[in-house]
Amino acid sequence: MIVTLGAANGLLVPLIAVHLFVFYFGILADDTPPVGLAAYAAAAISGADPIRTGVQGFTYDIRTAILPFMFIFNTQLLLIGLTGWIDLLITIFSAVTAMLVFSAATQGYWFTKTRWWETVLLLLITFTLFRPGFWWDRVYPPTEDRPGAEVLQHVDDVPADEAIILQASGMSIDGEEVSKYLRLPLPEAETPSERLAAAGLEVSPQGEEMVVDFVNFGSIAEKAGISYGWSIDAVQIQKERPPKELMFIPALILLAVLAFGQLRRRARERAEPQGAEGAQGT
């Protein structure tokens, strides 16, 4: 279901990310009602209400609930698409910082008790560190959809054994019209047509679309989800753009400003009782 919904909306989710998403939430069920086995065990020992214990435990543990979503929207955590050690360290730093900031926002306390607007800013910083591409994509779109009729032109630009992203539509086995994005790995061959044929796909142009004339049984194309009679409506092309991690800079600056403000407020709060005690002594 996760893969299907993602493909229908242009988000191609690696299967390993989907498996970890489901697996991690299965683990979290131990700490959340109505399953909450760990909460029920703790409630039995303490004599507290099990449902209230489970809800309270989840509020303390809610920071871990965002980690599975990081697997989906930031697959670099799964070592997918990393370019080197620096990229890995930046990914780990941003993920850990995002979870700690999210904890401060949900607990209502960082260096001192947070005000409502500080909580809003902490959640905004968390989201930016968690998914910097959301904002960056508004300024620099990561991809561009070209007409499906140009698929043969772009096949030449795909390295051997890499994949091309296609938007295909047609009738499913259930008789419903579907449209989805899919990833089609392309073996090496001399011409674009031969590369598609090696993937088990034969197409012919029809206006701005490419019509699927034949799909080999058990081929790469069939496993990718293409069927006979479907049309290739668009080809998704990656665009050159600055790295999305540049969004970390304003997020960290804002986080530093919030930390400075909270530290000053904490110092004032600690000084006030001392001042009151001194006034009582006199």
Protein backbone atom coordinates (compact mmCIF):
# COMPACT_ATOMS: atom_id res chain seq x y z
CA MET A 1 0.00 0.00 0.00
CA ILE A 2 2.82 2.44 0.87
CA VAL A 3 4.59 1.69 -2.42
CA THR A 4 1.33 2.05 -4.40
CA LEU A 5 0.38 5.37 -2.82
CA GLY A 6 3.89 6.71 -3.31
CA ALA A 7 4.02 5.67 -6.97
CA ALA A 8 0.63 7.27 -7.62
CA ASN A 9 1.94 10.59 -6.26
CA GLY A 10 5.38 10.58 -7.82
CA LEU A 11 7.23 9.28 -4.75
CA LEU A 12 9.20 6.12 -5.47
CA VAL A 13 9.95 4.52 -2.10
CA PRO A 14 12.70 1.86 -1.88
CA LEU A 15 11.36 -1.45 -0.61
CA ILE A 16 13.92 -1.56 2.21
CA ALA A 17 12.56 1.77 3.50
CA VAL A 18 8.99 0.42 3.40
CA HIS A 19 9.99 -2.75 5.25
CA LEU A 20 11.78 -0.76 7.96
CA PHE A 21 8.81 1.64 8.24
CA VAL A 22 6.43 -1.22 9.00
CA PHE A 23 8.95 -3.09 11.15
CA TYR A 24 9.75 -0.06 13.30
CA PHE A 25 6.10 0.75 13.96
CA GLY A 26 5.61 -2.89 14.89
CA ILE A 27 8.26 -2.42 17.57
CA LEU A 28 6.66 0.84 18.75
CA ALA A 29 3.40 -1.04 19.33
CA ASP A 30 4.99 -2.31 22.54
CA ASP A 31 4.79 1.21 23.93
CA THR A 32 1.49 2.45 22.52
CA PRO A 33 -2.17 1.63 23.33
CA PRO A 34 -4.14 -0.48 22.64
CA VAL A 35 -1.27 -3.03 22.40
CA GLY A 36 1.17 -1.40 24.81
CA LEU A 37 2.49 -4.59 26.42
CA ALA A 38 5.38 -2.73 28.04
CA ALA A 39 3.00 -0.08 29.39
CA TYR A 40 0.66 -2.72 30.82
CA ALA A 41 3.57 -4.48 32.51
CA ALA A 42 4.77 -1.20 34.02
CA ALA A 43 1.21 -0.34 35.14
CA ALA A 44 0.85 -3.72 36.81
CA ILE A 45 4.03 -3.15 38.79
CA SER A 46 3.19 0.42 39.80
CA GLY A 47 -0.55 -0.10 40.24
CA ALA A 48 -1.35 2.72 37.78
CA ASP A 49 -4.02 2.81 35.08
CA PRO A 50 -2.63 0.92 32.03
CA ILE A 51 -4.21 3.16 29.36
CA ARG A 52 -3.00 6.36 31.02
CA THR A 53 0.43 4.76 31.48
CA GLY A 54 0.51 3.84 27.78
CA VAL A 55 -0.53 7.32 26.64
CA GLN A 56 1.99 8.99 28.94
CA GLY A 57 4.72 6.60 27.84
CA PHE A 58 4.02 7.36 24.20
CA THR A 59 4.22 11.12 24.83
CA TYR A 60 7.70 10.53 26.25
CA ASP A 61 8.62 8.24 23.36
CA ILE A 62 6.99 10.16 20.52
CA ARG A 63 10.37 11.32 19.20
CA THR A 64 10.99 7.77 18.01
CA ALA A 65 7.73 7.81 16.04
CA ILE A 66 9.19 10.22 13.50
CA LEU A 67 12.17 7.97 12.72
CA PRO A 68 10.19 5.62 10.41
CA PHE A 69 9.07 8.65 8.39
CA MET A 70 12.73 9.58 8.01
CA PHE A 71 13.26 6.19 6.39
CA ILE A 72 10.66 7.15 3.77
CA PHE A 73 11.49 10.81 3.13
CA ASN A 74 15.23 10.78 3.87
CA THR A 75 16.53 7.49 2.49
CA GLN A 76 20.12 8.66 3.03
CA LEU A 77 19.71 7.34 6.58
CA LEU A 78 19.60 3.90 4.97
CA LEU A 79 22.85 4.64 3.10
CA ILE A 80 20.90 5.14 -0.15
CA GLY A 81 22.26 7.86 -2.43
CA LEU A 82 25.19 8.88 -0.23
CA THR A 83 28.15 10.42 -2.01
CA GLY A 84 30.81 9.94 0.67
CA TRP A 85 31.73 10.17 4.35
CA ILE A 86 30.94 13.87 4.59
CA ASP A 87 27.45 13.26 3.25
CA LEU A 88 27.01 10.43 5.77
CA LEU A 89 28.13 12.58 8.72
CA ILE A 90 25.82 15.42 7.68
CA THR A 91 22.91 12.98 7.41
CA ILE A 92 23.56 11.49 10.86
CA PHE A 93 24.03 14.93 12.44
CA SER A 94 20.82 16.33 10.94
CA ALA A 95 18.76 13.25 11.92
CA VAL A 96 20.00 13.19 15.52
CA THR A 97 19.56 16.95 15.91
CA ALA A 98 16.04 16.78 14.43
CA MET A 99 15.00 14.09 16.92
CA LEU A 100 16.45 15.99 19.89
CA VAL A 101 14.78 19.23 18.82
CA PHE A 102 11.50 17.38 18.29
CA SER A 103 11.80 15.96 21.82
CA ALA A 104 12.27 19.48 23.21
CA ALA A 105 9.20 20.68 21.32
CA THR A 106 6.92 17.83 22.42
CA GLN A 107 8.12 17.86 26.05
CA GLY A 108 7.70 21.62 26.30
CA TYR A 109 11.15 22.06 27.79
CA TRP A 110 14.64 22.67 26.43
CA PHE A 111 17.04 24.79 28.48
CA THR A 112 13.94 26.11 30.23
CA LYS A 113 10.19 25.81 29.75
CA THR A 114 9.33 26.63 26.15
CA ARG A 115 6.73 29.19 25.18
CA TRP A 116 4.11 28.37 22.54
CA TRP A 117 5.87 30.27 19.78
CA GLU A 118 9.17 28.60 20.65
CA THR A 119 7.46 25.22 20.34
CA VAL A 120 6.19 26.20 16.89
CA LEU A 121 9.69 27.27 15.81
CA LEU A 122 11.23 24.08 17.20
CA LEU A 123 8.76 22.00 15.19
CA LEU A 124 9.57 24.07 12.09
CA ILE A 125 13.30 23.48 12.63
CA THR A 126 12.65 19.77 13.15
CA PHE A 127 10.76 19.53 9.88
CA THR A 128 13.50 21.42 8.03
CA LEU A 129 16.23 19.14 9.37
CA PHE A 130 14.03 16.13 8.81
CA ARG A 131 13.10 16.95 5.21
CA PRO A 132 15.08 19.90 3.81
CA GLY A 133 13.97 19.03 0.28
CA PHE A 134 10.40 20.13 1.06
CA TRP A 135 11.47 23.79 1.12
CA TRP A 136 14.30 23.45 -1.40
CA ASP A 137 12.00 21.88 -4.00
CA ARG A 138 9.87 25.05 -3.97
CA VAL A 139 12.88 27.08 -5.10
CA TYR A 140 14.72 24.47 -7.18
CA PRO A 141 12.42 21.69 -8.47
CA PRO A 142 14.40 18.44 -8.41
CA THR A 143 12.83 16.93 -11.52
CA GLU A 144 11.12 17.88 -14.74
CA ASP A 145 8.54 15.83 -16.61
CA ARG A 146 9.16 15.59 -20.33
CA PRO A 147 6.65 14.16 -22.86
CA GLY A 148 6.62 10.39 -23.08
CA ALA A 149 7.39 10.63 -26.80
CA GLU A 150 10.93 11.74 -25.84
CA VAL A 151 11.68 8.58 -23.88
CA LEU A 152 14.12 7.25 -26.49
CA GLN A 153 16.10 10.49 -26.39
CA HIS A 154 16.56 10.29 -22.62
CA VAL A 155 17.37 6.59 -22.54
CA ASP A 156 20.77 7.48 -24.04
CA ASP A 157 21.53 9.66 -20.98
CA VAL A 158 20.98 6.83 -18.50
CA PRO A 159 24.18 4.97 -17.48
CA ALA A 160 24.35 1.20 -17.86
CA ASP A 161 22.21 -0.70 -15.36
CA GLU A 162 20.79 2.53 -13.98
CA ALA A 163 17.07 3.30 -14.05
CA ILE A 164 14.86 5.77 -15.86
CA ILE A 165 11.74 7.16 -14.16
CA LEU A 166 8.56 6.90 -16.24
CA GLN A 167 4.99 7.99 -15.70
CA ALA A 168 2.78 5.27 -17.17
CA SER A 169 -0.99 4.86 -17.29
CA GLY A 170 -3.41 2.20 -18.40
CA MET A 171 -5.92 -0.36 -17.24
CA SER A 172 -5.00 -2.55 -14.30
CA ILE A 173 -5.81 -6.23 -13.97
CA ASP A 174 -8.86 -5.18 -11.94
CA GLY A 175 -10.20 -3.13 -14.85
CA GLU A 176 -9.40 0.25 -13.28
CA GLU A 177 -7.57 3.09 -14.99
CA VAL A 178 -4.36 3.80 -13.09
CA SER A 179 -1.50 6.25 -13.48
CA LYS A 180 1.77 5.88 -11.61
CA TYR A 181 5.47 6.62 -11.64
CA LEU A 182 7.81 3.66 -11.90
CA ARG A 183 11.52 2.97 -12.03
CA LEU A 184 12.73 0.98 -15.06
CA PRO A 185 16.34 -0.31 -14.89
CA LEU A 186 18.00 -0.28 -18.31
CA PRO A 187 20.65 -2.84 -19.33
CA GLU A 188 23.48 -1.83 -21.64
CA ALA A 189 22.87 -1.98 -25.41
CA GLU A 190 23.90 -0.15 -28.57
CA THR A 191 20.71 1.84 -29.26
CA PRO A 192 17.89 3.22 -27.06
CA SER A 193 15.37 0.84 -28.63
CA GLU A 194 17.63 -2.12 -27.91
CA ARG A 195 18.05 -1.02 -24.30
CA LEU A 196 14.28 -0.91 -23.85
CA ALA A 197 13.98 -4.27 -25.59
CA ALA A 198 16.62 -5.71 -23.23
CA ALA A 199 14.39 -4.55 -20.37
CA GLY A 200 11.49 -6.39 -22.03
CA LEU A 201 9.69 -3.37 -23.41
CA GLU A 202 8.69 -2.43 -26.96
CA VAL A 203 7.04 0.94 -27.63
CA SER A 204 5.85 3.07 -30.52
CA PRO A 205 5.15 6.84 -30.66
CA GLN A 206 1.59 8.14 -30.68
CA GLY A 207 1.40 11.94 -30.40
CA GLU A 208 3.14 13.07 -27.18
CA GLU A 209 2.89 9.57 -25.72
CA MET A 210 4.59 6.25 -26.21
CA VAL A 211 2.29 3.26 -26.47
CA VAL A 212 3.47 -0.05 -25.05
CA ASP A 213 3.29 -2.60 -27.87
CA PHE A 214 4.79 -5.56 -26.04
CA VAL A 215 6.04 -6.57 -22.59
CA ASN A 216 8.07 -9.75 -22.17
CA PHE A 217 6.79 -12.13 -19.52
CA GLY A 218 9.04 -12.08 -16.44
CA SER A 219 11.08 -9.18 -17.82
CA ILE A 220 12.37 -6.11 -15.99
CA ALA A 221 9.54 -4.04 -17.47
CA GLU A 222 6.84 -6.44 -16.23
CA LYS A 223 8.36 -6.51 -12.73
CA ALA A 224 8.42 -2.71 -12.77
CA GLY A 225 4.65 -2.70 -13.30
CA ILE A 226 4.20 -1.92 -17.01
CA SER A 227 1.52 -3.82 -18.96
CA TYR A 228 0.66 -4.23 -22.61
CA GLY A 229 -1.52 -1.45 -24.01
CA TRP A 230 -0.37 1.10 -21.45
CA SER A 231 0.99 4.48 -22.47
CA ILE A 232 4.15 6.21 -21.27
CA ASP A 233 2.90 9.71 -20.56
CA ALA A 234 6.07 11.36 -19.30
CA VAL A 235 9.75 10.86 -18.56
CA GLN A 236 11.06 12.26 -15.28
CA ILE A 237 14.40 14.05 -15.72
CA GLN A 238 16.68 15.00 -12.83
CA LYS A 239 17.65 18.68 -12.83
CA GLU A 240 20.93 20.18 -11.72
CA ARG A 241 20.51 22.23 -8.54
CA PRO A 242 22.40 23.25 -5.37
CA PRO A 243 22.37 20.67 -2.54
CA LYS A 244 19.22 20.67 -0.41
CA GLU A 245 21.38 20.48 2.73
CA LEU A 246 21.91 24.25 2.42
CA MET A 247 18.53 24.54 4.19
CA PHE A 248 20.30 23.31 7.33
CA ILE A 249 22.10 26.67 7.61
CA PRO A 250 19.05 28.91 8.34
CA ALA A 251 17.53 26.13 10.49
CA LEU A 252 20.64 25.88 12.67
CA ILE A 253 20.96 29.67 12.90
CA LEU A 254 17.35 29.88 14.12
CA LEU A 255 18.04 27.05 16.57
CA ALA A 256 21.08 28.94 17.91
CA VAL A 257 18.97 32.10 18.38
CA LEU A 258 16.34 30.12 20.30
CA ALA A 259 19.05 28.53 22.46
CA PHE A 260 20.55 31.94 23.22
CA GLY A 261 17.14 33.32 24.21
CA GLN A 262 16.34 30.35 26.44
CA LEU A 263 19.72 30.45 28.16
CA ARG A 264 19.26 34.16 28.96
CA ARG A 265 15.76 33.50 30.27
CA ARG A 266 16.99 30.60 32.39
CA ALA A 267 19.68 32.83 33.89
CA ARG A 268 17.05 35.45 34.80
CA GLU A 269 14.77 32.80 36.28
CA ARG A 270 17.60 31.49 38.47
CA ALA A 271 18.57 35.00 39.55
CA GLU A 272 15.04 35.99 40.62
CA PRO A 273 14.76 33.54 43.57
CA GLN A 274 18.17 34.65 44.84
CA GLY A 275 17.11 38.25 44.62
CA ALA A 276 13.89 37.46 46.50
CA GLU A 277 15.83 35.64 49.25
CA GLY A 278 18.18 38.59 49.60
CA ALA A 279 15.26 40.99 49.95
CA GLN A 280 13.68 38.81 52.67
CA GLY A 281 16.98 38.67 54.59
CA THR A 282 17.20 42.44 54.79
